[in-house]
């Protein structure tokens, strides 16, 4: 039976059922007739290829739902939730999930909660999840609820402790998605505290099971040196495994570490494969790589500039953001800077954090390209503070403090600043101080060690013998002495020290 015939069949069946009086309807099995019609529509649904065909299927499901068929309402909800040959419409998804529940399908409660959560109706989602529990419904909503609790998506009624406990239980039962979420919770600090060691341990377990995302995350640990020694070769190995396991997005990370390992031509080939795979950002990454001369003998700067300017002319915001970042980094090409700034301001006003970060970077690095750059830099940081990542907000505020304070004022000002930071913001802010002003970093270190009772001298920003002894004592206490003994001002030691100070100082 083709799709058009299926649709006509369902319409005819509904008309026949409606023609019966209630007494006559009791003499036939209406439910069986509806189930038969549903089966026909379901077969048609699996064969659809165009929006027009899907419209017929939706009409058929709608007719069945109007006759009280709960499973048809459920199918409609999923069509709109997952945008299957229609525009995504969470409002309609919620409507049909609710209808399905009202028609007696309690199993829809869990997915109703998920749809409500994605629609931003968190309190209603929480209530739906509670009803699902009361009805004995199990399934994917348990993970969604746990994740929402841990991330605080339920607002004031979120329970992080309960969410973590549920994730732990699901992971113990072998739910890989729960394990991945649990690892992310430890990595990003959703649990209330960043714990990269726990995160890495879980990702390793998942990677042993061939999980592509976990392989990608392990690559990130080696790429940035989180709780392991920074090792680009290892990062490249794990990124390649992630790609081989089916995670095409990992090609971007793979290309980055290939560049860092001076394998520019290989990086270009990787990005070309990403482009062939249809990854949206591959073309831009190739253009930027050419402009940055990342591809060794395969570099073609003019080709990169042409591609970048073409993207700007086509009004692609990602290309405009990249152009501003490149200008901030000192790359030279002819373009309308005021127009780019105006475009990024409009995007940042709509919540685009990348646009906001690029504007702040440009006013900091190349103030001559922006009128009233110093004032705009401060205004941008204040106006867009809520949408910036912890890393960007912390580092840019550190930069602003260093640029605006006298030498004697820098240490105390940075101390006050970091006192208000937690987790990643504290970590990135403290690390940025190290890279920009070693005396200011030493000042902060002395202050923290004095609070811990390990340093008795003056807090003056000078790396004296007493300061070194205090640092080494701290390193022994937190079991990172082997890293510190080779020099507490080495970058590897600094990262370990700052990581150890996060829970004590944040």
Foldseek 3Di string as FASTA:
>chain_A
DALVVLLVVLVVLLVVCVPDDPVVNVVDDVVVVLVVSVVSLVVNVVVDDALVSVVSSLNSLVSSLVVLDLVSLQVQLVCQCVVPNHDNDLPSNLVSLVSSVVSPDLLSLLVNLVSCLVVLNLVVSVVSVVSNVVVVHDDDSLLVLLLCLLQCSNPPPRHNVVSLVSLVVCVVVPDLVSLLSNLVCQCVVSSVARDNVSSLVSLVVSVVVVALVSLQVVLVCLCVVPVHDNDLVSSLVSLVSSVVSPDLVSLQVNLVSCLVVVQQQVSLVSLVVSVVVVPPCSLLVNLLCLLVVSRPPPRDNVVSVVSLVVCVVVVPLVSLLSVLQCVLVPGDDDDDLVVSLVSLVVVLVVLDQSSLLSLLSNLLRPVVSDPPSLVVNVVSLVVNVVSHDLLSNLLSVLSNLVVPDDPVVNQVVLLVVLLPDAHPNNLNNLLSCLVPPQLSNLLNQLVLLVVVVLADDDSGSDCDPSSLRSLLVVCVVVVNNVVPVVPCSDSSNVSVSSSVCRVVRD
